[in-house]
Amino acid sequence: MSKQQFLLESPKDTGDDRVTFIIRNNGTVLPGFVARSTLISIGGLTSNNIVALYTEHRARIADAVKKKLAEPVLRQYISLGLEDLQ
């Protein structure tokens, strides 16, 4: 069984209290989203800089993306909520 590899790139503040990022996986590119309130809820920084919040929780985000990518569902994007990151 091969280990699934993917990259998380380009976190950006969307201006509407979300951070968007790019997921590169097996030659495909998917957008990913996570809300500022979700990042604050899981603890740590309460910064106004949403990209800093994303960076602090990058390992949790990567784990959640890995689980979502393993699901047998065709996705156009990945949106992460509080349940995904706990």
C-alpha atoms as a PDB file:
ATOM      1  CA  MET A   1       0.000   0.000   0.000  1.00  0.00           C
ATOM      2  CA  SER A   2       1.484   3.345  -0.993  1.00  0.00           C
ATOM      3  CA  LYS A   3       1.493   6.246   1.380  1.00  0.00           C
ATOM      4  CA  GLN A   4      -0.675   9.107   0.183  1.00  0.00           C
ATOM      5  CA  GLN A   5       1.297  12.319  -0.204  1.00  0.00           C
ATOM      6  CA  PHE A   6      -0.031  15.800  -0.678  1.00  0.00           C
ATOM      7  CA  LEU A   7       1.120  19.383  -0.246  1.00  0.00           C
ATOM      8  CA  LEU A   8      -0.637  22.269   1.458  1.00  0.00           C
ATOM      9  CA  GLU A   9       0.337  25.572  -0.150  1.00  0.00           C
ATOM     10  CA  SER A  10      -0.455  29.266  -0.367  1.00  0.00           C
ATOM     11  CA  PRO A  11      -2.558  30.059   2.703  1.00  0.00           C
ATOM     12  CA  LYS A  12      -4.434  33.324   2.111  1.00  0.00           C
ATOM     13  CA  ASP A  13      -6.912  35.441   4.031  1.00  0.00           C
ATOM     14  CA  THR A  14     -10.095  35.539   1.938  1.00  0.00           C
ATOM     15  CA  GLY A  15     -11.341  38.675   3.673  1.00  0.00           C
ATOM     16  CA  ASP A  16     -14.475  36.949   4.988  1.00  0.00           C
ATOM     17  CA  ASP A  17     -13.008  35.324   8.124  1.00  0.00           C
ATOM     18  CA  ARG A  18     -11.736  32.246   6.291  1.00  0.00           C
ATOM     19  CA  VAL A  19      -8.340  31.123   5.170  1.00  0.00           C
ATOM     20  CA  THR A  20      -8.056  29.403   1.831  1.00  0.00           C
ATOM     21  CA  PHE A  21      -5.214  27.093   0.867  1.00  0.00           C
ATOM     22  CA  ILE A  22      -4.261  24.850  -2.034  1.00  0.00           C
ATOM     23  CA  ILE A  23      -4.037  21.057  -1.762  1.00  0.00           C
ATOM     24  CA  ARG A  24      -1.859  19.360  -4.381  1.00  0.00           C
ATOM     25  CA  ASN A  25      -2.491  15.624  -4.508  1.00  0.00           C
ATOM     26  CA  ASN A  26      -1.558  13.112  -7.236  1.00  0.00           C
ATOM     27  CA  GLY A  27      -1.508  15.724  -9.975  1.00  0.00           C
ATOM     28  CA  THR A  28      -4.765  17.370  -8.926  1.00  0.00           C
ATOM     29  CA  VAL A  29      -5.291  20.703  -7.225  1.00  0.00           C
ATOM     30  CA  LEU A  30      -8.133  21.299  -4.773  1.00  0.00           C
ATOM     31  CA  PRO A  31      -8.983  24.440  -2.835  1.00  0.00           C
ATOM     32  CA  GLY A  32      -9.284  24.100   0.926  1.00  0.00           C
ATOM     33  CA  PHE A  33     -11.076  26.337   3.405  1.00  0.00           C
ATOM     34  CA  VAL A  34     -11.125  26.733   7.179  1.00  0.00           C
ATOM     35  CA  ALA A  35     -12.857  29.445   9.225  1.00  0.00           C
ATOM     36  CA  ARG A  36     -11.086  31.774  11.656  1.00  0.00           C
ATOM     37  CA  SER A  37     -13.586  30.803  14.385  1.00  0.00           C
ATOM     38  CA  THR A  38     -12.675  27.135  13.913  1.00  0.00           C
ATOM     39  CA  LEU A  39      -8.960  27.867  14.238  1.00  0.00           C
ATOM     40  CA  ILE A  40      -9.525  29.946  17.387  1.00  0.00           C
ATOM     41  CA  SER A  41     -11.846  27.288  18.873  1.00  0.00           C
ATOM     42  CA  ILE A  42      -9.181  24.579  18.798  1.00  0.00           C
ATOM     43  CA  GLY A  43      -6.902  26.721  20.956  1.00  0.00           C
ATOM     44  CA  GLY A  44      -3.729  28.692  20.729  1.00  0.00           C
ATOM     45  CA  LEU A  45      -3.459  32.110  19.156  1.00  0.00           C
ATOM     46  CA  THR A  46      -6.359  34.526  18.989  1.00  0.00           C
ATOM     47  CA  SER A  47      -4.555  36.658  16.433  1.00  0.00           C
ATOM     48  CA  ASN A  48      -6.185  38.928  13.902  1.00  0.00           C
ATOM     49  CA  ASN A  49      -3.717  37.444  11.414  1.00  0.00           C
ATOM     50  CA  ILE A  50      -5.633  34.475  10.052  1.00  0.00           C
ATOM     51  CA  VAL A  51      -2.593  33.122   8.192  1.00  0.00           C
ATOM     52  CA  ALA A  52      -0.719  32.965  11.536  1.00  0.00           C
ATOM     53  CA  LEU A  53      -3.636  30.944  12.941  1.00  0.00           C
ATOM     54  CA  TYR A  54      -3.428  28.595   9.937  1.00  0.00           C
ATOM     55  CA  THR A  55       0.328  28.208  10.389  1.00  0.00           C
ATOM     56  CA  GLU A  56      -0.025  27.395  14.099  1.00  0.00           C
ATOM     57  CA  HIS A  57      -2.497  24.595  13.336  1.00  0.00           C
ATOM     58  CA  ARG A  58      -0.937  23.367  10.081  1.00  0.00           C
ATOM     59  CA  ALA A  59      -0.258  19.850  11.454  1.00  0.00           C
ATOM     60  CA  ARG A  60      -3.898  19.423  12.500  1.00  0.00           C
ATOM     61  CA  ILE A  61      -5.059  20.802   9.165  1.00  0.00           C
ATOM     62  CA  ALA A  62      -2.793  18.340   7.326  1.00  0.00           C
ATOM     63  CA  ASP A  63      -4.188  15.419   9.370  1.00  0.00           C
ATOM     64  CA  ALA A  64      -7.768  16.505   8.646  1.00  0.00           C
ATOM     65  CA  VAL A  65      -7.047  16.907   4.921  1.00  0.00           C
ATOM     66  CA  LYS A  66      -5.441  13.446   4.872  1.00  0.00           C
ATOM     67  CA  LYS A  67      -8.610  11.927   6.372  1.00  0.00           C
ATOM     68  CA  LYS A  68     -10.852  13.780   3.906  1.00  0.00           C
ATOM     69  CA  LEU A  69      -8.725  12.696   0.932  1.00  0.00           C
ATOM     70  CA  ALA A  70      -8.947   9.061   2.091  1.00  0.00           C
ATOM     71  CA  GLU A  71     -12.755   9.128   1.923  1.00  0.00           C
ATOM     72  CA  PRO A  72     -14.142   7.544  -1.278  1.00  0.00           C
ATOM     73  CA  VAL A  73     -15.878  10.750  -2.372  1.00  0.00           C
ATOM     74  CA  LEU A  74     -15.220  12.932  -5.404  1.00  0.00           C
ATOM     75  CA  ARG A  75     -14.583  16.438  -4.073  1.00  0.00           C
ATOM     76  CA  GLN A  76     -14.377  19.841  -5.720  1.00  0.00           C
ATOM     77  CA  TYR A  77     -12.974  21.412  -2.546  1.00  0.00           C
ATOM     78  CA  ILE A  78     -12.275  20.574   1.088  1.00  0.00           C
ATOM     79  CA  SER A  79     -13.836  22.621   3.854  1.00  0.00           C
ATOM     80  CA  LEU A  80     -12.691  21.884   7.389  1.00  0.00           C
ATOM     81  CA  GLY A  81     -14.835  22.386  10.465  1.00  0.00           C
ATOM     82  CA  LEU A  82     -14.299  22.090  14.186  1.00  0.00           C
ATOM     83  CA  GLU A  83     -15.071  18.339  14.195  1.00  0.00           C
ATOM     84  CA  ASP A  84     -12.408  17.754  11.535  1.00  0.00           C
ATOM     85  CA  LEU A  85      -9.694  19.516  13.541  1.00  0.00           C
ATOM     86  CA  GLN A  86     -10.342  18.107  17.018  1.00  0.00           C
END
